[in-house]
């Protein structure tokens, strides 16, 4: 594989999409899974909701799911 291929604009764009995807979708999804595993009998449901919300509405979706989760599942 040529080094010029790794420095192409397509490779740079792909790496940017992967980084943004991990930051905006991956981190909130893992966070809700870890918390829901401790407090909820249905962590997979909350995780799926967070992944979909984070993918569809990147910043407000995870916040909405997190507020809904804390109001429903976390009783302190």
PDB file of N, CA and C in Angstrom:
ATOM      1  N   UNK A   1       0.845  -1.177   0.000  1.00  0.00           N
ATOM      2  CA  UNK A   1       0.000   0.000   0.000  1.00  0.00           C
ATOM      3  C   UNK A   1       0.892   1.242   0.000  1.00  0.00           C
ATOM      4  N   UNK A   2       0.541   2.164  -0.808  1.00  0.00           N
ATOM      5  CA  UNK A   2       1.321   3.381  -0.951  1.00  0.00           C
ATOM      6  C   UNK A   2       0.996   4.363   0.179  1.00  0.00           C
ATOM      7  N   UNK A   3       1.992   5.115   0.598  1.00  0.00           N
ATOM      8  CA  UNK A   3       1.771   6.127   1.623  1.00  0.00           C
ATOM      9  C   UNK A   3       0.940   7.288   1.088  1.00  0.00           C
ATOM     10  N   UNK A   4       0.987   7.499  -0.213  1.00  0.00           N
ATOM     11  CA  UNK A   4       0.180   8.564  -0.807  1.00  0.00           C
ATOM     12  C   UNK A   4      -1.305   8.262  -0.662  1.00  0.00           C
ATOM     13  N   UNK A   5      -1.671   6.992  -0.650  1.00  0.00           N
ATOM     14  CA  UNK A   5      -3.069   6.611  -0.475  1.00  0.00           C
ATOM     15  C   UNK A   5      -3.558   6.957   0.923  1.00  0.00           C
ATOM     16  N   UNK A   6      -2.684   6.801   1.921  1.00  0.00           N
ATOM     17  CA  UNK A   6      -3.064   7.129   3.291  1.00  0.00           C
ATOM     18  C   UNK A   6      -3.197   8.629   3.510  1.00  0.00           C
ATOM     19  N   UNK A   7      -2.536   9.427   2.709  1.00  0.00           N
ATOM     20  CA  UNK A   7      -2.593  10.870   2.843  1.00  0.00           C
ATOM     21  C   UNK A   7      -3.610  11.486   1.888  1.00  0.00           C
ATOM     22  N   UNK A   8      -4.430  10.683   1.276  1.00  0.00           N
ATOM     23  CA  UNK A   8      -5.411  11.212   0.333  1.00  0.00           C
ATOM     24  C   UNK A   8      -6.550  11.912   1.076  1.00  0.00           C
ATOM     25  N   UNK A   9      -7.243  12.813   0.407  1.00  0.00           N
ATOM     26  CA  UNK A   9      -8.372  13.498   1.045  1.00  0.00           C
ATOM     27  C   UNK A   9      -9.477  12.533   1.489  1.00  0.00           C
ATOM     28  N   UNK A  10      -9.675  11.450   0.756  1.00  0.00           N
ATOM     29  CA  UNK A  10     -10.699  10.483   1.141  1.00  0.00           C
ATOM     30  C   UNK A  10     -10.339   9.794   2.458  1.00  0.00           C
ATOM     31  N   UNK A  11      -9.081   9.464   2.633  1.00  0.00           N
ATOM     32  CA  UNK A  11      -8.640   8.835   3.879  1.00  0.00           C
ATOM     33  C   UNK A  11      -8.762   9.797   5.044  1.00  0.00           C
ATOM     34  N   UNK A  12      -8.453  11.059   4.811  1.00  0.00           N
ATOM     35  CA  UNK A  12      -8.587  12.065   5.866  1.00  0.00           C
ATOM     36  C   UNK A  12     -10.045  12.260   6.256  1.00  0.00           C
ATOM     37  N   UNK A  13     -10.928  12.284   5.266  1.00  0.00           N
ATOM     38  CA  UNK A  13     -12.352  12.445   5.537  1.00  0.00           C
ATOM     39  C   UNK A  13     -12.906  11.243   6.280  1.00  0.00           C
ATOM     40  N   UNK A  14     -12.494  10.052   5.879  1.00  0.00           N
ATOM     41  CA  UNK A  14     -12.936   8.836   6.558  1.00  0.00           C
ATOM     42  C   UNK A  14     -12.472   8.819   8.002  1.00  0.00           C
ATOM     43  N   UNK A  15     -11.233   9.202   8.248  1.00  0.00           N
ATOM     44  CA  UNK A  15     -10.742   9.234   9.626  1.00  0.00           C
ATOM     45  C   UNK A  15     -11.473  10.292  10.447  1.00  0.00           C
ATOM     46  N   UNK A  16     -11.824  11.416   9.842  1.00  0.00           N
ATOM     47  CA  UNK A  16     -12.597  12.439  10.553  1.00  0.00           C
ATOM     48  C   UNK A  16     -13.985  11.917  10.908  1.00  0.00           C
ATOM     49  N   UNK A  17     -14.635  11.200   9.989  1.00  0.00           N
ATOM     50  CA  UNK A  17     -15.950  10.625  10.276  1.00  0.00           C
ATOM     51  C   UNK A  17     -15.878   9.599  11.402  1.00  0.00           C
ATOM     52  N   UNK A  18     -14.836   8.802  11.409  1.00  0.00           N
ATOM     53  CA  UNK A  18     -14.684   7.794  12.468  1.00  0.00           C
ATOM     54  C   UNK A  18     -14.474   8.461  13.817  1.00  0.00           C
ATOM     55  N   UNK A  19     -13.644   9.478  13.866  1.00  0.00           N
ATOM     56  CA  UNK A  19     -13.383  10.184  15.124  1.00  0.00           C
ATOM     57  C   UNK A  19     -14.649  10.868  15.628  1.00  0.00           C
ATOM     58  N   UNK A  20     -15.354  11.551  14.755  1.00  0.00           N
ATOM     59  CA  UNK A  20     -16.601  12.225  15.158  1.00  0.00           C
ATOM     60  C   UNK A  20     -17.644  11.202  15.580  1.00  0.00           C
ATOM     61  N   UNK A  21     -17.720  10.090  14.885  1.00  0.00           N
ATOM     62  CA  UNK A  21     -18.671   9.044  15.257  1.00  0.00           C
ATOM     63  C   UNK A  21     -18.395   8.478  16.632  1.00  0.00           C
ATOM     64  N   UNK A  22     -17.142   8.255  16.924  1.00  0.00           N
ATOM     65  CA  UNK A  22     -16.781   7.733  18.253  1.00  0.00           C
ATOM     66  C   UNK A  22     -17.108   8.761  19.329  1.00  0.00           C
ATOM     67  N   UNK A  23     -16.803  10.008  19.074  1.00  0.00           N
ATOM     68  CA  UNK A  23     -17.058  11.037  20.081  1.00  0.00           C
ATOM     69  C   UNK A  23     -18.545  11.293  20.302  1.00  0.00           C
ATOM     70  N   UNK A  24     -19.306  11.381  19.233  1.00  0.00           N
ATOM     71  CA  UNK A  24     -20.713  11.764  19.366  1.00  0.00           C
ATOM     72  C   UNK A  24     -21.666  10.592  19.582  1.00  0.00           C
ATOM     73  N   UNK A  25     -21.293   9.401  19.170  1.00  0.00           N
ATOM     74  CA  UNK A  25     -22.186   8.247  19.323  1.00  0.00           C
ATOM     75  C   UNK A  25     -21.615   7.237  20.306  1.00  0.00           C
ATOM     76  N   UNK A  26     -20.359   6.912  20.173  1.00  0.00           N
ATOM     77  CA  UNK A  26     -19.768   5.854  20.982  1.00  0.00           C
ATOM     78  C   UNK A  26     -19.673   6.173  22.456  1.00  0.00           C
ATOM     79  N   UNK A  27     -19.196   7.344  22.794  1.00  0.00           N
ATOM     80  CA  UNK A  27     -19.003   7.684  24.203  1.00  0.00           C
ATOM     81  C   UNK A  27     -20.330   7.766  24.961  1.00  0.00           C
ATOM     82  N   UNK A  28     -21.377   8.457  24.453  1.00  0.00           N
ATOM     83  CA  UNK A  28     -22.638   8.443  25.185  1.00  0.00           C
ATOM     84  C   UNK A  28     -23.271   7.057  25.286  1.00  0.00           C
ATOM     85  N   UNK A  29     -23.110   6.246  24.248  1.00  0.00           N
ATOM     86  CA  UNK A  29     -23.698   4.905  24.261  1.00  0.00           C
ATOM     87  C   UNK A  29     -23.023   4.026  25.312  1.00  0.00           C
ATOM     88  N   UNK A  30     -21.721   4.079  25.388  1.00  0.00           N
ATOM     89  CA  UNK A  30     -21.012   3.298  26.400  1.00  0.00           C
ATOM     90  C   UNK A  30     -21.334   3.823  27.797  1.00  0.00           C
ATOM     91  N   UNK A  31     -21.444   5.125  27.932  1.00  0.00           N
ATOM     92  CA  UNK A  31     -21.766   5.709  29.233  1.00  0.00           C
ATOM     93  C   UNK A  31     -23.123   5.276  29.752  1.00  0.00           C
ATOM     94  N   UNK A  32     -24.130   5.292  28.894  1.00  0.00           N
ATOM     95  CA  UNK A  32     -25.464   4.881  29.348  1.00  0.00           C
ATOM     96  C   UNK A  32     -25.488   3.387  29.630  1.00  0.00           C
ATOM     97  N   UNK A  33     -24.743   2.595  28.864  1.00  0.00           N
ATOM     98  CA  UNK A  33     -24.704   1.157  29.125  1.00  0.00           C
ATOM     99  C   UNK A  33     -24.091   0.860  30.494  1.00  0.00           C
ATOM    100  N   UNK A  34     -23.009   1.537  30.817  1.00  0.00           N
ATOM    101  CA  UNK A  34     -22.364   1.309  32.113  1.00  0.00           C
ATOM    102  C   UNK A  34     -23.279   1.712  33.251  1.00  0.00           C
ATOM    103  N   UNK A  35     -23.955   2.837  33.135  1.00  0.00           N
ATOM    104  CA  UNK A  35     -24.837   3.292  34.203  1.00  0.00           C
ATOM    105  C   UNK A  35     -26.106   2.454  34.269  1.00  0.00           C
ATOM    106  N   UNK A  36     -26.664   2.114  33.125  1.00  0.00           N
ATOM    107  CA  UNK A  36     -27.895   1.319  33.109  1.00  0.00           C
ATOM    108  C   UNK A  36     -27.650  -0.101  33.605  1.00  0.00           C
ATOM    109  N   UNK A  37     -26.463  -0.622  33.405  1.00  0.00           N
ATOM    110  CA  UNK A  37     -26.155  -1.954  33.919  1.00  0.00           C
ATOM    111  C   UNK A  37     -26.200  -1.982  35.442  1.00  0.00           C
ATOM    112  N   UNK A  38     -25.924  -0.852  36.060  1.00  0.00           N
ATOM    113  CA  UNK A  38     -25.935  -0.778  37.518  1.00  0.00           C
ATOM    114  C   UNK A  38     -27.323  -0.501  38.086  1.00  0.00           C
ATOM    115  N   UNK A  39     -28.182   0.189  37.346  1.00  0.00           N
ATOM    116  CA  UNK A  39     -29.456   0.640  37.903  1.00  0.00           C
ATOM    117  C   UNK A  39     -30.705   0.057  37.260  1.00  0.00           C
ATOM    118  N   UNK A  40     -30.607  -0.461  36.077  1.00  0.00           N
ATOM    119  CA  UNK A  40     -31.796  -0.837  35.327  1.00  0.00           C
ATOM    120  C   UNK A  40     -31.808  -2.333  35.013  1.00  0.00           C
ATOM    121  N   UNK A  41     -33.011  -2.922  34.998  1.00  0.00           N
ATOM    122  CA  UNK A  41     -33.088  -4.311  34.559  1.00  0.00           C
ATOM    123  C   UNK A  41     -33.027  -4.441  33.030  1.00  0.00           C
ATOM    124  N   UNK A  42     -33.094  -3.316  32.302  1.00  0.00           N
ATOM    125  CA  UNK A  42     -33.078  -3.324  30.831  1.00  0.00           C
ATOM    126  C   UNK A  42     -31.977  -2.426  30.269  1.00  0.00           C
ATOM    127  N   UNK A  43     -30.713  -2.747  30.500  1.00  0.00           N
ATOM    128  CA  UNK A  43     -29.651  -1.866  29.992  1.00  0.00           C
ATOM    129  C   UNK A  43     -29.549  -1.860  28.475  1.00  0.00           C
ATOM    130  N   UNK A  44     -29.915  -2.954  27.817  1.00  0.00           N
ATOM    131  CA  UNK A  44     -29.809  -3.004  26.357  1.00  0.00           C
ATOM    132  C   UNK A  44     -30.813  -2.055  25.706  1.00  0.00           C
ATOM    133  N   UNK A  45     -31.989  -1.928  26.296  1.00  0.00           N
ATOM    134  CA  UNK A  45     -33.004  -1.010  25.767  1.00  0.00           C
ATOM    135  C   UNK A  45     -32.517   0.431  25.837  1.00  0.00           C
ATOM    136  N   UNK A  46     -31.972   0.818  26.986  1.00  0.00           N
ATOM    137  CA  UNK A  46     -31.462   2.178  27.137  1.00  0.00           C
ATOM    138  C   UNK A  46     -30.265   2.424  26.224  1.00  0.00           C
ATOM    139  N   UNK A  47     -29.425   1.416  26.059  1.00  0.00           N
ATOM    140  CA  UNK A  47     -28.259   1.546  25.186  1.00  0.00           C
ATOM    141  C   UNK A  47     -28.688   1.737  23.733  1.00  0.00           C
ATOM    142  N   UNK A  48     -29.659   0.971  23.295  1.00  0.00           N
ATOM    143  CA  UNK A  48     -30.151   1.109  21.917  1.00  0.00           C
ATOM    144  C   UNK A  48     -30.791   2.476  21.701  1.00  0.00           C
ATOM    145  N   UNK A  49     -31.563   2.930  22.685  1.00  0.00           N
ATOM    146  CA  UNK A  49     -32.186   4.257  22.572  1.00  0.00           C
ATOM    147  C   UNK A  49     -31.126   5.351  22.489  1.00  0.00           C
ATOM    148  N   UNK A  50     -30.070   5.209  23.273  1.00  0.00           N
ATOM    149  CA  UNK A  50     -29.003   6.215  23.251  1.00  0.00           C
ATOM    150  C   UNK A  50     -28.265   6.186  21.920  1.00  0.00           C
ATOM    151  N   UNK A  51     -27.991   5.010  21.384  1.00  0.00           N
ATOM    152  CA  UNK A  51     -27.274   4.919  20.115  1.00  0.00           C
ATOM    153  C   UNK A  51     -28.080   5.544  18.987  1.00  0.00           C
ATOM    154  N   UNK A  52     -29.384   5.267  18.962  1.00  0.00           N
ATOM    155  CA  UNK A  52     -30.235   5.835  17.911  1.00  0.00           C
ATOM    156  C   UNK A  52     -30.349   7.344  18.079  1.00  0.00           C
ATOM    157  N   UNK A  53     -30.589   7.794  19.299  1.00  0.00           N
ATOM    158  CA  UNK A  53     -30.726   9.238  19.534  1.00  0.00           C
ATOM    159  C   UNK A  53     -29.432   9.977  19.216  1.00  0.00           C
ATOM    160  N   UNK A  54     -28.297   9.393  19.568  1.00  0.00           N
ATOM    161  CA  UNK A  54     -27.016  10.046  19.301  1.00  0.00           C
ATOM    162  C   UNK A  54     -26.708  10.093  17.811  1.00  0.00           C
ATOM    163  N   UNK A  55     -27.150   9.097  17.070  1.00  0.00           N
ATOM    164  CA  UNK A  55     -26.906   9.081  15.628  1.00  0.00           C
ATOM    165  C   UNK A  55     -27.844  10.023  14.879  1.00  0.00           C
ATOM    166  N   UNK A  56     -29.088  10.144  15.358  1.00  0.00           N
ATOM    167  CA  UNK A  56     -30.079  10.956  14.655  1.00  0.00           C
ATOM    168  C   UNK A  56     -29.951  12.435  15.017  1.00  0.00           C
ATOM    169  N   UNK A  57     -29.868  12.742  16.300  1.00  0.00           N
ATOM    170  CA  UNK A  57     -29.747  14.126  16.769  1.00  0.00           C
ATOM    171  C   UNK A  57     -28.494  14.194  17.639  1.00  0.00           C
ATOM    172  N   UNK A  58     -27.344  14.509  17.047  1.00  0.00           N
ATOM    173  CA  UNK A  58     -26.068  14.306  17.722  1.00  0.00           C
ATOM    174  C   UNK A  58     -25.898  14.909  19.115  1.00  0.00           C
ATOM    175  N   UNK A  59     -26.263  16.109  19.380  1.00  0.00           N
ATOM    176  CA  UNK A  59     -26.001  16.670  20.702  1.00  0.00           C
ATOM    177  C   UNK A  59     -27.225  16.642  21.622  1.00  0.00           C
ATOM    178  N   UNK A  60     -28.375  16.939  21.089  1.00  0.00           N
ATOM    179  CA  UNK A  60     -29.573  16.990  21.926  1.00  0.00           C
ATOM    180  C   UNK A  60     -30.169  15.613  22.184  1.00  0.00           C
ATOM    181  N   UNK A  61     -29.997  14.677  21.288  1.00  0.00           N
ATOM    182  CA  UNK A  61     -30.535  13.337  21.467  1.00  0.00           C
ATOM    183  C   UNK A  61     -29.993  12.637  22.700  1.00  0.00           C
ATOM    184  N   UNK A  62     -28.669  12.579  22.873  1.00  0.00           N
ATOM    185  CA  UNK A  62     -28.139  11.945  24.079  1.00  0.00           C
ATOM    186  C   UNK A  62     -28.553  12.646  25.364  1.00  0.00           C
ATOM    187  N   UNK A  63     -28.628  13.958  25.324  1.00  0.00           N
ATOM    188  CA  UNK A  63     -29.078  14.677  26.520  1.00  0.00           C
ATOM    189  C   UNK A  63     -30.520  14.318  26.866  1.00  0.00           C
ATOM    190  N   UNK A  64     -31.369  14.254  25.863  1.00  0.00           N
ATOM    191  CA  UNK A  64     -32.761  13.895  26.101  1.00  0.00           C
ATOM    192  C   UNK A  64     -32.904  12.493  26.651  1.00  0.00           C
ATOM    193  N   UNK A  65     -32.179  11.542  26.084  1.00  0.00           N
ATOM    194  CA  UNK A  65     -32.246  10.166  26.577  1.00  0.00           C
ATOM    195  C   UNK A  65     -31.682  10.084  27.993  1.00  0.00           C
ATOM    196  N   UNK A  66     -30.616  10.816  28.257  1.00  0.00           N
ATOM    197  CA  UNK A  66     -30.018  10.771  29.591  1.00  0.00           C
ATOM    198  C   UNK A  66     -30.978  11.345  30.637  1.00  0.00           C
ATOM    199  N   UNK A  67     -31.627  12.461  30.319  1.00  0.00           N
ATOM    200  CA  UNK A  67     -32.594  13.029  31.263  1.00  0.00           C
ATOM    201  C   UNK A  67     -33.782  12.097  31.471  1.00  0.00           C
ATOM    202  N   UNK A  68     -34.250  11.477  30.402  1.00  0.00           N
ATOM    203  CA  UNK A  68     -35.344  10.516  30.521  1.00  0.00           C
ATOM    204  C   UNK A  68     -34.909   9.318  31.362  1.00  0.00           C
ATOM    205  N   UNK A  69     -33.726   8.818  31.110  1.00  0.00           N
ATOM    206  CA  UNK A  69     -33.215   7.680  31.879  1.00  0.00           C
ATOM    207  C   UNK A  69     -33.115   8.003  33.365  1.00  0.00           C
ATOM    208  N   UNK A  70     -32.537   9.148  33.683  1.00  0.00           N
ATOM    209  CA  UNK A  70     -32.377   9.490  35.097  1.00  0.00           C
ATOM    210  C   UNK A  70     -33.712   9.740  35.778  1.00  0.00           C
ATOM    211  N   UNK A  71     -34.685  10.258  35.059  1.00  0.00           N
ATOM    212  CA  UNK A  71     -35.989  10.480  35.684  1.00  0.00           C
ATOM    213  C   UNK A  71     -36.762   9.179  35.863  1.00  0.00           C
ATOM    214  N   UNK A  72     -36.519   8.177  35.029  1.00  0.00           N
ATOM    215  CA  UNK A  72     -37.267   6.914  35.105  1.00  0.00           C
ATOM    216  C   UNK A  72     -36.544   5.883  35.974  1.00  0.00           C
ATOM    217  N   UNK A  73     -35.261   5.702  35.764  1.00  0.00           N
ATOM    218  CA  UNK A  73     -34.550   4.569  36.366  1.00  0.00           C
ATOM    219  C   UNK A  73     -33.797   4.891  37.645  1.00  0.00           C
ATOM    220  N   UNK A  74     -33.203   6.044  37.744  1.00  0.00           N
ATOM    221  CA  UNK A  74     -32.353   6.352  38.892  1.00  0.00           C
ATOM    222  C   UNK A  74     -33.212   7.042  39.949  1.00  0.00           C
ATOM    223  N   UNK A  75     -33.453   6.328  41.008  1.00  0.00           N
ATOM    224  CA  UNK A  75     -34.275   6.886  42.084  1.00  0.00           C
ATOM    225  C   UNK A  75     -33.369   7.098  43.306  1.00  0.00           C
ATOM    226  N   UNK A  76     -32.964   8.330  43.502  1.00  0.00           N
ATOM    227  CA  UNK A  76     -32.068   8.620  44.636  1.00  0.00           C
ATOM    228  C   UNK A  76     -32.745   9.469  45.653  1.00  0.00           C
TER     229      UNK A  76
END
